[in-house]
């Protein structure tokens, strides 16, 4: 699965990008039709504590799934976004199979 990571208004760390790559690659184990994933990292200047925003869009045949999460760290926001997308993929998989 191809993962595109972009950061707005800052330069992301290599360790952070590897963490995101590792987490998002696990999504393809839940649904075999995952084509790719776009990840956008942003800082929200209006928030003091929880100012890290992660937006993820997963491309699957016929649909795109989206998750946007905000947290204290990019790692926490990534975990939350991946969990939300995992649930969406499981629902989509059940719907496609007609269960």
PDB file of N, CA and C in Angstrom:
ATOM      1  N   UNK A   1       0.848  -1.172   0.000  1.00  0.00           N
ATOM      2  CA  UNK A   1       0.000   0.000   0.000  1.00  0.00           C
ATOM      3  C   UNK A   1       0.896   1.239   0.000  1.00  0.00           C
ATOM      4  N   UNK A   2       0.548   2.186  -0.844  1.00  0.00           N
ATOM      5  CA  UNK A   2       1.316   3.425  -0.949  1.00  0.00           C
ATOM      6  C   UNK A   2       0.767   4.445   0.049  1.00  0.00           C
ATOM      7  N   UNK A   3       1.669   5.027   0.834  1.00  0.00           N
ATOM      8  CA  UNK A   3       1.295   6.014   1.845  1.00  0.00           C
ATOM      9  C   UNK A   3       1.984   7.333   1.517  1.00  0.00           C
ATOM     10  N   UNK A   4       1.181   8.383   1.316  1.00  0.00           N
ATOM     11  CA  UNK A   4       1.706   9.729   1.075  1.00  0.00           C
ATOM     12  C   UNK A   4       1.544  10.544   2.353  1.00  0.00           C
ATOM     13  N   UNK A   5       2.659  11.056   2.868  1.00  0.00           N
ATOM     14  CA  UNK A   5       2.634  11.841   4.099  1.00  0.00           C
ATOM     15  C   UNK A   5       3.044  13.268   3.767  1.00  0.00           C
ATOM     16  N   UNK A   6       2.188  14.221   4.130  1.00  0.00           N
ATOM     17  CA  UNK A   6       2.527  15.630   3.920  1.00  0.00           C
ATOM     18  C   UNK A   6       2.291  16.390   5.223  1.00  0.00           C
ATOM     19  N   UNK A   7       3.171  17.326   5.497  1.00  0.00           N
ATOM     20  CA  UNK A   7       3.037  18.143   6.701  1.00  0.00           C
ATOM     21  C   UNK A   7       2.912  19.602   6.283  1.00  0.00           C
ATOM     22  N   UNK A   8       1.946  20.284   6.882  1.00  0.00           N
ATOM     23  CA  UNK A   8       1.685  21.674   6.543  1.00  0.00           C
ATOM     24  C   UNK A   8       2.328  22.600   7.564  1.00  0.00           C
ATOM     25  N   UNK A   9       3.108  23.543   7.085  1.00  0.00           N
ATOM     26  CA  UNK A   9       3.714  24.606   7.888  1.00  0.00           C
ATOM     27  C   UNK A   9       4.798  24.129   8.853  1.00  0.00           C
ATOM     28  N   UNK A  10       5.313  22.914   8.661  1.00  0.00           N
ATOM     29  CA  UNK A  10       6.455  22.449   9.449  1.00  0.00           C
ATOM     30  C   UNK A  10       7.071  21.245   8.750  1.00  0.00           C
ATOM     31  N   UNK A  11       8.274  20.889   9.146  1.00  0.00           N
ATOM     32  CA  UNK A  11       8.979  19.736   8.589  1.00  0.00           C
ATOM     33  C   UNK A  11       8.838  18.581   9.566  1.00  0.00           C
ATOM     34  N   UNK A  12       8.256  17.476   9.103  1.00  0.00           N
ATOM     35  CA  UNK A  12       8.052  16.335   9.995  1.00  0.00           C
ATOM     36  C   UNK A  12       9.344  15.537  10.162  1.00  0.00           C
ATOM     37  N   UNK A  13       9.477  14.923  11.311  1.00  0.00           N
ATOM     38  CA  UNK A  13      10.641  14.119  11.659  1.00  0.00           C
ATOM     39  C   UNK A  13      10.587  12.772  10.934  1.00  0.00           C
ATOM     40  N   UNK A  14      11.736  12.198  10.646  1.00  0.00           N
ATOM     41  CA  UNK A  14      11.804  10.904   9.966  1.00  0.00           C
ATOM     42  C   UNK A  14      11.191   9.814  10.843  1.00  0.00           C
ATOM     43  N   UNK A  15      11.426   9.867  12.159  1.00  0.00           N
ATOM     44  CA  UNK A  15      10.854   8.861  13.061  1.00  0.00           C
ATOM     45  C   UNK A  15       9.330   8.931  13.066  1.00  0.00           C
ATOM     46  N   UNK A  16       8.779  10.126  12.997  1.00  0.00           N
ATOM     47  CA  UNK A  16       7.329  10.287  12.949  1.00  0.00           C
ATOM     48  C   UNK A  16       6.777   9.695  11.657  1.00  0.00           C
ATOM     49  N   UNK A  17       7.435   9.956  10.543  1.00  0.00           N
ATOM     50  CA  UNK A  17       6.982   9.407   9.263  1.00  0.00           C
ATOM     51  C   UNK A  17       7.065   7.883   9.253  1.00  0.00           C
ATOM     52  N   UNK A  18       8.115   7.315   9.845  1.00  0.00           N
ATOM     53  CA  UNK A  18       8.226   5.856   9.940  1.00  0.00           C
ATOM     54  C   UNK A  18       7.122   5.286  10.820  1.00  0.00           C
ATOM     55  N   UNK A  19       6.794   5.970  11.914  1.00  0.00           N
ATOM     56  CA  UNK A  19       5.715   5.544  12.802  1.00  0.00           C
ATOM     57  C   UNK A  19       4.385   5.523  12.049  1.00  0.00           C
ATOM     58  N   UNK A  20       4.113   6.581  11.298  1.00  0.00           N
ATOM     59  CA  UNK A  20       2.867   6.669  10.530  1.00  0.00           C
ATOM     60  C   UNK A  20       2.837   5.591   9.453  1.00  0.00           C
ATOM     61  N   UNK A  21       3.949   5.388   8.771  1.00  0.00           N
ATOM     62  CA  UNK A  21       4.043   4.359   7.732  1.00  0.00           C
ATOM     63  C   UNK A  21       3.741   2.982   8.329  1.00  0.00           C
ATOM     64  N   UNK A  22       4.304   2.698   9.486  1.00  0.00           N
ATOM     65  CA  UNK A  22       4.103   1.410  10.146  1.00  0.00           C
ATOM     66  C   UNK A  22       2.641   1.215  10.536  1.00  0.00           C
ATOM     67  N   UNK A  23       2.038   2.238  11.133  1.00  0.00           N
ATOM     68  CA  UNK A  23       0.644   2.138  11.580  1.00  0.00           C
ATOM     69  C   UNK A  23      -0.329   1.995  10.407  1.00  0.00           C
ATOM     70  N   UNK A  24      -0.131   2.792   9.360  1.00  0.00           N
ATOM     71  CA  UNK A  24      -1.068   2.749   8.239  1.00  0.00           C
ATOM     72  C   UNK A  24      -0.908   1.483   7.407  1.00  0.00           C
ATOM     73  N   UNK A  25       0.280   0.907   7.372  1.00  0.00           N
ATOM     74  CA  UNK A  25       0.467  -0.320   6.593  1.00  0.00           C
ATOM     75  C   UNK A  25      -0.336  -1.476   7.179  1.00  0.00           C
ATOM     76  N   UNK A  26      -0.642  -1.411   8.472  1.00  0.00           N
ATOM     77  CA  UNK A  26      -1.428  -2.465   9.110  1.00  0.00           C
ATOM     78  C   UNK A  26      -2.896  -2.430   8.688  1.00  0.00           C
ATOM     79  N   UNK A  27      -3.345  -1.320   8.108  1.00  0.00           N
ATOM     80  CA  UNK A  27      -4.742  -1.235   7.665  1.00  0.00           C
ATOM     81  C   UNK A  27      -5.032  -2.225   6.542  1.00  0.00           C
ATOM     82  N   UNK A  28      -4.036  -2.519   5.719  1.00  0.00           N
ATOM     83  CA  UNK A  28      -4.266  -3.435   4.599  1.00  0.00           C
ATOM     84  C   UNK A  28      -4.486  -4.866   5.076  1.00  0.00           C
ATOM     85  N   UNK A  29      -4.169  -5.179   6.334  1.00  0.00           N
ATOM     86  CA  UNK A  29      -4.449  -6.521   6.849  1.00  0.00           C
ATOM     87  C   UNK A  29      -5.934  -6.692   7.165  1.00  0.00           C
ATOM     88  N   UNK A  30      -6.650  -5.592   7.371  1.00  0.00           N
ATOM     89  CA  UNK A  30      -8.076  -5.666   7.690  1.00  0.00           C
ATOM     90  C   UNK A  30      -8.946  -5.717   6.439  1.00  0.00           C
ATOM     91  N   UNK A  31      -8.440  -5.192   5.332  1.00  0.00           N
ATOM     92  CA  UNK A  31      -9.203  -5.184   4.081  1.00  0.00           C
ATOM     93  C   UNK A  31      -8.204  -5.223   2.937  1.00  0.00           C
ATOM     94  N   UNK A  32      -8.311  -6.234   2.092  1.00  0.00           N
ATOM     95  CA  UNK A  32      -7.305  -6.459   1.057  1.00  0.00           C
ATOM     96  C   UNK A  32      -7.375  -5.458  -0.087  1.00  0.00           C
ATOM     97  N   UNK A  33      -8.468  -4.730  -0.216  1.00  0.00           N
ATOM     98  CA  UNK A  33      -8.634  -3.830  -1.342  1.00  0.00           C
ATOM     99  C   UNK A  33      -8.111  -2.425  -1.133  1.00  0.00           C
ATOM    100  N   UNK A  34      -7.326  -2.190  -0.090  1.00  0.00           N
ATOM    101  CA  UNK A  34      -6.811  -0.847   0.176  1.00  0.00           C
ATOM    102  C   UNK A  34      -5.794  -0.481  -0.903  1.00  0.00           C
ATOM    103  N   UNK A  35      -6.057   0.630  -1.599  1.00  0.00           N
ATOM    104  CA  UNK A  35      -5.180   1.069  -2.684  1.00  0.00           C
ATOM    105  C   UNK A  35      -4.069   1.983  -2.193  1.00  0.00           C
ATOM    106  N   UNK A  36      -4.373   2.852  -1.249  1.00  0.00           N
ATOM    107  CA  UNK A  36      -3.375   3.796  -0.758  1.00  0.00           C
ATOM    108  C   UNK A  36      -3.935   4.625   0.368  1.00  0.00           C
ATOM    109  N   UNK A  37      -3.064   5.470   0.911  1.00  0.00           N
ATOM    110  CA  UNK A  37      -3.453   6.300   2.047  1.00  0.00           C
ATOM    111  C   UNK A  37      -2.746   7.646   1.947  1.00  0.00           C
ATOM    112  N   UNK A  38      -3.506   8.718   2.114  1.00  0.00           N
ATOM    113  CA  UNK A  38      -2.949  10.071   2.178  1.00  0.00           C
ATOM    114  C   UNK A  38      -3.043  10.550   3.621  1.00  0.00           C
ATOM    115  N   UNK A  39      -1.919  11.011   4.161  1.00  0.00           N
ATOM    116  CA  UNK A  39      -1.867  11.485   5.543  1.00  0.00           C
ATOM    117  C   UNK A  39      -1.407  12.938   5.532  1.00  0.00           C
ATOM    118  N   UNK A  40      -2.165  13.803   6.211  1.00  0.00           N
ATOM    119  CA  UNK A  40      -1.801  15.212   6.332  1.00  0.00           C
ATOM    120  C   UNK A  40      -1.622  15.540   7.807  1.00  0.00           C
ATOM    121  N   UNK A  41      -0.477  16.138   8.127  1.00  0.00           N
ATOM    122  CA  UNK A  41      -0.165  16.544   9.498  1.00  0.00           C
ATOM    123  C   UNK A  41      -0.242  18.059   9.585  1.00  0.00           C
ATOM    124  N   UNK A  42      -0.962  18.567  10.599  1.00  0.00           N
ATOM    125  CA  UNK A  42      -1.104  20.016  10.764  1.00  0.00           C
ATOM    126  C   UNK A  42      -0.961  20.392  12.227  1.00  0.00           C
ATOM    127  N   UNK A  43      -0.554  21.624  12.439  1.00  0.00           N
ATOM    128  CA  UNK A  43      -0.538  22.218  13.775  1.00  0.00           C
ATOM    129  C   UNK A  43      -1.644  23.260  13.835  1.00  0.00           C
ATOM    130  N   UNK A  44      -2.472  23.202  14.887  1.00  0.00           N
ATOM    131  CA  UNK A  44      -3.554  24.160  15.063  1.00  0.00           C
ATOM    132  C   UNK A  44      -3.087  25.239  16.036  1.00  0.00           C
ATOM    133  N   UNK A  45      -2.831  26.453  15.557  1.00  0.00           N
ATOM    134  CA  UNK A  45      -2.308  27.496  16.445  1.00  0.00           C
ATOM    135  C   UNK A  45      -3.325  27.985  17.476  1.00  0.00           C
ATOM    136  N   UNK A  46      -4.606  27.736  17.265  1.00  0.00           N
ATOM    137  CA  UNK A  46      -5.633  28.218  18.185  1.00  0.00           C
ATOM    138  C   UNK A  46      -5.677  27.397  19.473  1.00  0.00           C
ATOM    139  N   UNK A  47      -5.261  26.144  19.401  1.00  0.00           N
ATOM    140  CA  UNK A  47      -5.296  25.265  20.566  1.00  0.00           C
ATOM    141  C   UNK A  47      -3.966  25.320  21.307  1.00  0.00           C
ATOM    142  N   UNK A  48      -4.005  25.224  22.626  1.00  0.00           N
ATOM    143  CA  UNK A  48      -2.779  25.226  23.419  1.00  0.00           C
ATOM    144  C   UNK A  48      -2.205  23.827  23.581  1.00  0.00           C
ATOM    145  N   UNK A  49      -3.002  22.886  24.100  1.00  0.00           N
ATOM    146  CA  UNK A  49      -2.496  21.548  24.397  1.00  0.00           C
ATOM    147  C   UNK A  49      -2.664  20.591  23.231  1.00  0.00           C
ATOM    148  N   UNK A  50      -3.889  20.396  22.816  1.00  0.00           N
ATOM    149  CA  UNK A  50      -4.163  19.419  21.762  1.00  0.00           C
ATOM    150  C   UNK A  50      -4.155  20.115  20.406  1.00  0.00           C
ATOM    151  N   UNK A  51      -2.965  20.469  19.943  1.00  0.00           N
ATOM    152  CA  UNK A  51      -2.873  21.228  18.700  1.00  0.00           C
ATOM    153  C   UNK A  51      -2.319  20.420  17.533  1.00  0.00           C
ATOM    154  N   UNK A  52      -2.133  19.108  17.704  1.00  0.00           N
ATOM    155  CA  UNK A  52      -1.626  18.262  16.623  1.00  0.00           C
ATOM    156  C   UNK A  52      -2.812  17.600  15.928  1.00  0.00           C
ATOM    157  N   UNK A  53      -2.929  17.792  14.617  1.00  0.00           N
ATOM    158  CA  UNK A  53      -4.050  17.256  13.851  1.00  0.00           C
ATOM    159  C   UNK A  53      -3.518  16.302  12.791  1.00  0.00           C
ATOM    160  N   UNK A  54      -4.121  15.119  12.720  1.00  0.00           N
ATOM    161  CA  UNK A  54      -3.787  14.131  11.700  1.00  0.00           C
ATOM    162  C   UNK A  54      -5.049  13.849  10.900  1.00  0.00           C
ATOM    163  N   UNK A  55      -4.960  14.015   9.585  1.00  0.00           N
ATOM    164  CA  UNK A  55      -6.062  13.690   8.684  1.00  0.00           C
ATOM    165  C   UNK A  55      -5.608  12.542   7.797  1.00  0.00           C
ATOM    166  N   UNK A  56      -6.418  11.491   7.723  1.00  0.00           N
ATOM    167  CA  UNK A  56      -6.082  10.330   6.900  1.00  0.00           C
ATOM    168  C   UNK A  56      -7.217  10.031   5.944  1.00  0.00           C
ATOM    169  N   UNK A  57      -6.849   9.775   4.703  1.00  0.00           N
ATOM    170  CA  UNK A  57      -7.820   9.352   3.697  1.00  0.00           C
ATOM    171  C   UNK A  57      -7.326   8.040   3.113  1.00  0.00           C
ATOM    172  N   UNK A  58      -8.132   6.995   3.234  1.00  0.00           N
ATOM    173  CA  UNK A  58      -7.792   5.679   2.714  1.00  0.00           C
ATOM    174  C   UNK A  58      -8.614   5.441   1.458  1.00  0.00           C
ATOM    175  N   UNK A  59      -7.921   5.119   0.366  1.00  0.00           N
ATOM    176  CA  UNK A  59      -8.590   4.859  -0.898  1.00  0.00           C
ATOM    177  C   UNK A  59      -8.849   3.362  -1.050  1.00  0.00           C
ATOM    178  N   UNK A  60     -10.117   3.028  -1.279  1.00  0.00           N
ATOM    179  CA  UNK A  60     -10.510   1.658  -1.570  1.00  0.00           C
ATOM    180  C   UNK A  60     -11.382   1.702  -2.815  1.00  0.00           C
ATOM    181  N   UNK A  61     -11.513   0.593  -3.532  1.00  0.00           N
ATOM    182  CA  UNK A  61     -12.324   0.606  -4.752  1.00  0.00           C
ATOM    183  C   UNK A  61     -13.764   1.047  -4.474  1.00  0.00           C
ATOM    184  N   UNK A  62     -14.197   2.077  -5.183  1.00  0.00           N
ATOM    185  CA  UNK A  62     -15.563   2.559  -5.069  1.00  0.00           C
ATOM    186  C   UNK A  62     -15.810   3.552  -3.953  1.00  0.00           C
ATOM    187  N   UNK A  63     -14.843   3.784  -3.102  1.00  0.00           N
ATOM    188  CA  UNK A  63     -15.068   4.636  -1.936  1.00  0.00           C
ATOM    189  C   UNK A  63     -13.755   5.191  -1.406  1.00  0.00           C
ATOM    190  N   UNK A  64     -13.840   6.235  -0.616  1.00  0.00           N
ATOM    191  CA  UNK A  64     -12.710   6.740   0.155  1.00  0.00           C
ATOM    192  C   UNK A  64     -13.176   6.862   1.600  1.00  0.00           C
ATOM    193  N   UNK A  65     -12.347   6.436   2.523  1.00  0.00           N
ATOM    194  CA  UNK A  65     -12.656   6.549   3.943  1.00  0.00           C
ATOM    195  C   UNK A  65     -11.795   7.656   4.529  1.00  0.00           C
ATOM    196  N   UNK A  66     -12.356   8.421   5.466  1.00  0.00           N
ATOM    197  CA  UNK A  66     -11.650   9.587   5.995  1.00  0.00           C
ATOM    198  C   UNK A  66     -11.725   9.609   7.516  1.00  0.00           C
ATOM    199  N   UNK A  67     -10.640  10.055   8.127  1.00  0.00           N
ATOM    200  CA  UNK A  67     -10.606  10.229   9.574  1.00  0.00           C
ATOM    201  C   UNK A  67      -9.748  11.443   9.903  1.00  0.00           C
ATOM    202  N   UNK A  68     -10.234  12.262  10.824  1.00  0.00           N
ATOM    203  CA  UNK A  68      -9.494  13.440  11.282  1.00  0.00           C
ATOM    204  C   UNK A  68      -9.488  13.412  12.800  1.00  0.00           C
ATOM    205  N   UNK A  69      -8.297  13.376  13.381  1.00  0.00           N
ATOM    206  CA  UNK A  69      -8.174  13.304  14.835  1.00  0.00           C
ATOM    207  C   UNK A  69      -7.201  14.361  15.334  1.00  0.00           C
ATOM    208  N   UNK A  70      -7.475  14.859  16.536  1.00  0.00           N
ATOM    209  CA  UNK A  70      -6.664  15.900  17.159  1.00  0.00           C
ATOM    210  C   UNK A  70      -6.251  15.418  18.545  1.00  0.00           C
ATOM    211  N   UNK A  71      -4.957  15.619  18.887  1.00  0.00           N
ATOM    212  CA  UNK A  71      -4.453  15.149  20.177  1.00  0.00           C
ATOM    213  C   UNK A  71      -3.233  15.968  20.599  1.00  0.00           C
ATOM    214  N   UNK A  72      -2.657  15.588  21.740  1.00  0.00           N
ATOM    215  CA  UNK A  72      -1.463  16.270  22.250  1.00  0.00           C
ATOM    216  C   UNK A  72      -0.228  15.979  21.403  1.00  0.00           C
ATOM    217  N   UNK A  73      -0.128  14.751  20.872  1.00  0.00           N
ATOM    218  CA  UNK A  73       1.024  14.369  20.053  1.00  0.00           C
ATOM    219  C   UNK A  73       0.532  13.815  18.722  1.00  0.00           C
ATOM    220  N   UNK A  74       1.402  13.855  17.728  1.00  0.00           N
ATOM    221  CA  UNK A  74       1.048  13.286  16.434  1.00  0.00           C
ATOM    222  C   UNK A  74       0.891  11.772  16.528  1.00  0.00           C
ATOM    223  N   UNK A  75       1.667  11.134  17.400  1.00  0.00           N
ATOM    224  CA  UNK A  75       1.564   9.681  17.556  1.00  0.00           C
ATOM    225  C   UNK A  75       0.195   9.284  18.108  1.00  0.00           C
ATOM    226  N   UNK A  76      -0.279  10.013  19.107  1.00  0.00           N
ATOM    227  CA  UNK A  76      -1.595   9.731  19.690  1.00  0.00           C
ATOM    228  C   UNK A  76      -2.706   9.982  18.670  1.00  0.00           C
ATOM    229  N   UNK A  77      -2.611  11.073  17.935  1.00  0.00           N
ATOM    230  CA  UNK A  77      -3.611  11.377  16.912  1.00  0.00           C
ATOM    231  C   UNK A  77      -3.582  10.330  15.805  1.00  0.00           C
ATOM    232  N   UNK A  78      -2.384   9.850  15.447  1.00  0.00           N
ATOM    233  CA  UNK A  78      -2.261   8.803  14.428  1.00  0.00           C
ATOM    234  C   UNK A  78      -2.912   7.519  14.905  1.00  0.00           C
ATOM    235  N   UNK A  79      -2.651   7.117  16.149  1.00  0.00           N
ATOM    236  CA  UNK A  79      -3.280   5.914  16.705  1.00  0.00           C
ATOM    237  C   UNK A  79      -4.799   6.016  16.658  1.00  0.00           C
ATOM    238  N   UNK A  80      -5.336   7.162  17.066  1.00  0.00           N
ATOM    239  CA  UNK A  80      -6.785   7.357  17.072  1.00  0.00           C
ATOM    240  C   UNK A  80      -7.359   7.315  15.660  1.00  0.00           C
ATOM    241  N   UNK A  81      -6.677   7.938  14.708  1.00  0.00           N
ATOM    242  CA  UNK A  81      -7.157   7.957  13.325  1.00  0.00           C
ATOM    243  C   UNK A  81      -7.113   6.562  12.711  1.00  0.00           C
ATOM    244  N   UNK A  82      -6.047   5.815  12.980  1.00  0.00           N
ATOM    245  CA  UNK A  82      -5.937   4.449  12.450  1.00  0.00           C
ATOM    246  C   UNK A  82      -7.019   3.559  13.052  1.00  0.00           C
ATOM    247  N   UNK A  83      -7.301   3.706  14.347  1.00  0.00           N
ATOM    248  CA  UNK A  83      -8.375   2.927  14.974  1.00  0.00           C
ATOM    249  C   UNK A  83      -9.724   3.233  14.331  1.00  0.00           C
ATOM    250  N   UNK A  84      -9.989   4.504  14.077  1.00  0.00           N
ATOM    251  CA  UNK A  84     -11.251   4.889  13.442  1.00  0.00           C
ATOM    252  C   UNK A  84     -11.343   4.311  12.029  1.00  0.00           C
ATOM    253  N   UNK A  85     -10.249   4.363  11.289  1.00  0.00           N
ATOM    254  CA  UNK A  85     -10.256   3.819   9.929  1.00  0.00           C
ATOM    255  C   UNK A  85     -10.374   2.298   9.937  1.00  0.00           C
ATOM    256  N   UNK A  86      -9.778   1.651  10.915  1.00  0.00           N
ATOM    257  CA  UNK A  86      -9.900   0.195  11.028  1.00  0.00           C
ATOM    258  C   UNK A  86     -11.367  -0.198  11.216  1.00  0.00           C
ATOM    259  N   UNK A  87     -12.078   0.536  12.079  1.00  0.00           N
ATOM    260  CA  UNK A  87     -13.507   0.259  12.289  1.00  0.00           C
ATOM    261  C   UNK A  87     -14.304   0.518  11.011  1.00  0.00           C
ATOM    262  N   UNK A  88     -13.976   1.599  10.299  1.00  0.00           N
ATOM    263  CA  UNK A  88     -14.667   1.895   9.043  1.00  0.00           C
ATOM    264  C   UNK A  88     -14.416   0.800   8.011  1.00  0.00           C
ATOM    265  N   UNK A  89     -13.178   0.308   7.940  1.00  0.00           N
ATOM    266  CA  UNK A  89     -12.855  -0.768   6.997  1.00  0.00           C
ATOM    267  C   UNK A  89     -13.606  -2.048   7.344  1.00  0.00           C
ATOM    268  N   UNK A  90     -13.722  -2.362   8.626  1.00  0.00           N
ATOM    269  CA  UNK A  90     -14.452  -3.561   9.028  1.00  0.00           C
ATOM    270  C   UNK A  90     -15.935  -3.440   8.689  1.00  0.00           C
ATOM    271  N   UNK A  91     -16.518  -2.253   8.891  1.00  0.00           N
ATOM    272  CA  UNK A  91     -17.923  -2.041   8.517  1.00  0.00           C
ATOM    273  C   UNK A  91     -18.103  -2.164   7.012  1.00  0.00           C
ATOM    274  N   UNK A  92     -17.177  -1.582   6.252  1.00  0.00           N
ATOM    275  CA  UNK A  92     -17.255  -1.642   4.793  1.00  0.00           C
ATOM    276  C   UNK A  92     -17.120  -3.087   4.312  1.00  0.00           C
ATOM    277  N   UNK A  93     -16.212  -3.822   4.908  1.00  0.00           N
ATOM    278  CA  UNK A  93     -15.993  -5.223   4.545  1.00  0.00           C
ATOM    279  C   UNK A  93     -17.258  -6.044   4.806  1.00  0.00           C
ATOM    280  N   UNK A  94     -17.910  -5.815   5.949  1.00  0.00           N
ATOM    281  CA  UNK A  94     -19.143  -6.528   6.275  1.00  0.00           C
ATOM    282  C   UNK A  94     -20.258  -6.150   5.308  1.00  0.00           C
ATOM    283  N   UNK A  95     -20.311  -4.884   4.932  1.00  0.00           N
ATOM    284  CA  UNK A  95     -21.344  -4.422   4.001  1.00  0.00           C
ATOM    285  C   UNK A  95     -21.149  -5.038   2.620  1.00  0.00           C
ATOM    286  N   UNK A  96     -19.906  -5.119   2.172  1.00  0.00           N
ATOM    287  CA  UNK A  96     -19.611  -5.687   0.855  1.00  0.00           C
ATOM    288  C   UNK A  96     -19.927  -7.176   0.827  1.00  0.00           C
ATOM    289  N   UNK A  97     -19.627  -7.864   1.909  1.00  0.00           N
ATOM    290  CA  UNK A  97     -19.889  -9.303   1.977  1.00  0.00           C
ATOM    291  C   UNK A  97     -21.361  -9.604   2.228  1.00  0.00           C
ATOM    292  N   UNK A  98     -22.125  -8.601   2.638  1.00  0.00           N
ATOM    293  CA  UNK A  98     -23.551  -8.784   2.867  1.00  0.00           C
ATOM    294  C   UNK A  98     -23.873  -9.478   4.172  1.00  0.00           C
ATOM    295  N   UNK A  99     -23.016  -9.301   5.166  1.00  0.00           N
ATOM    296  CA  UNK A  99     -23.240  -9.944   6.469  1.00  0.00           C
ATOM    297  C   UNK A  99     -24.183  -9.114   7.296  1.00  0.00           C
TER     298      UNK A  99
END
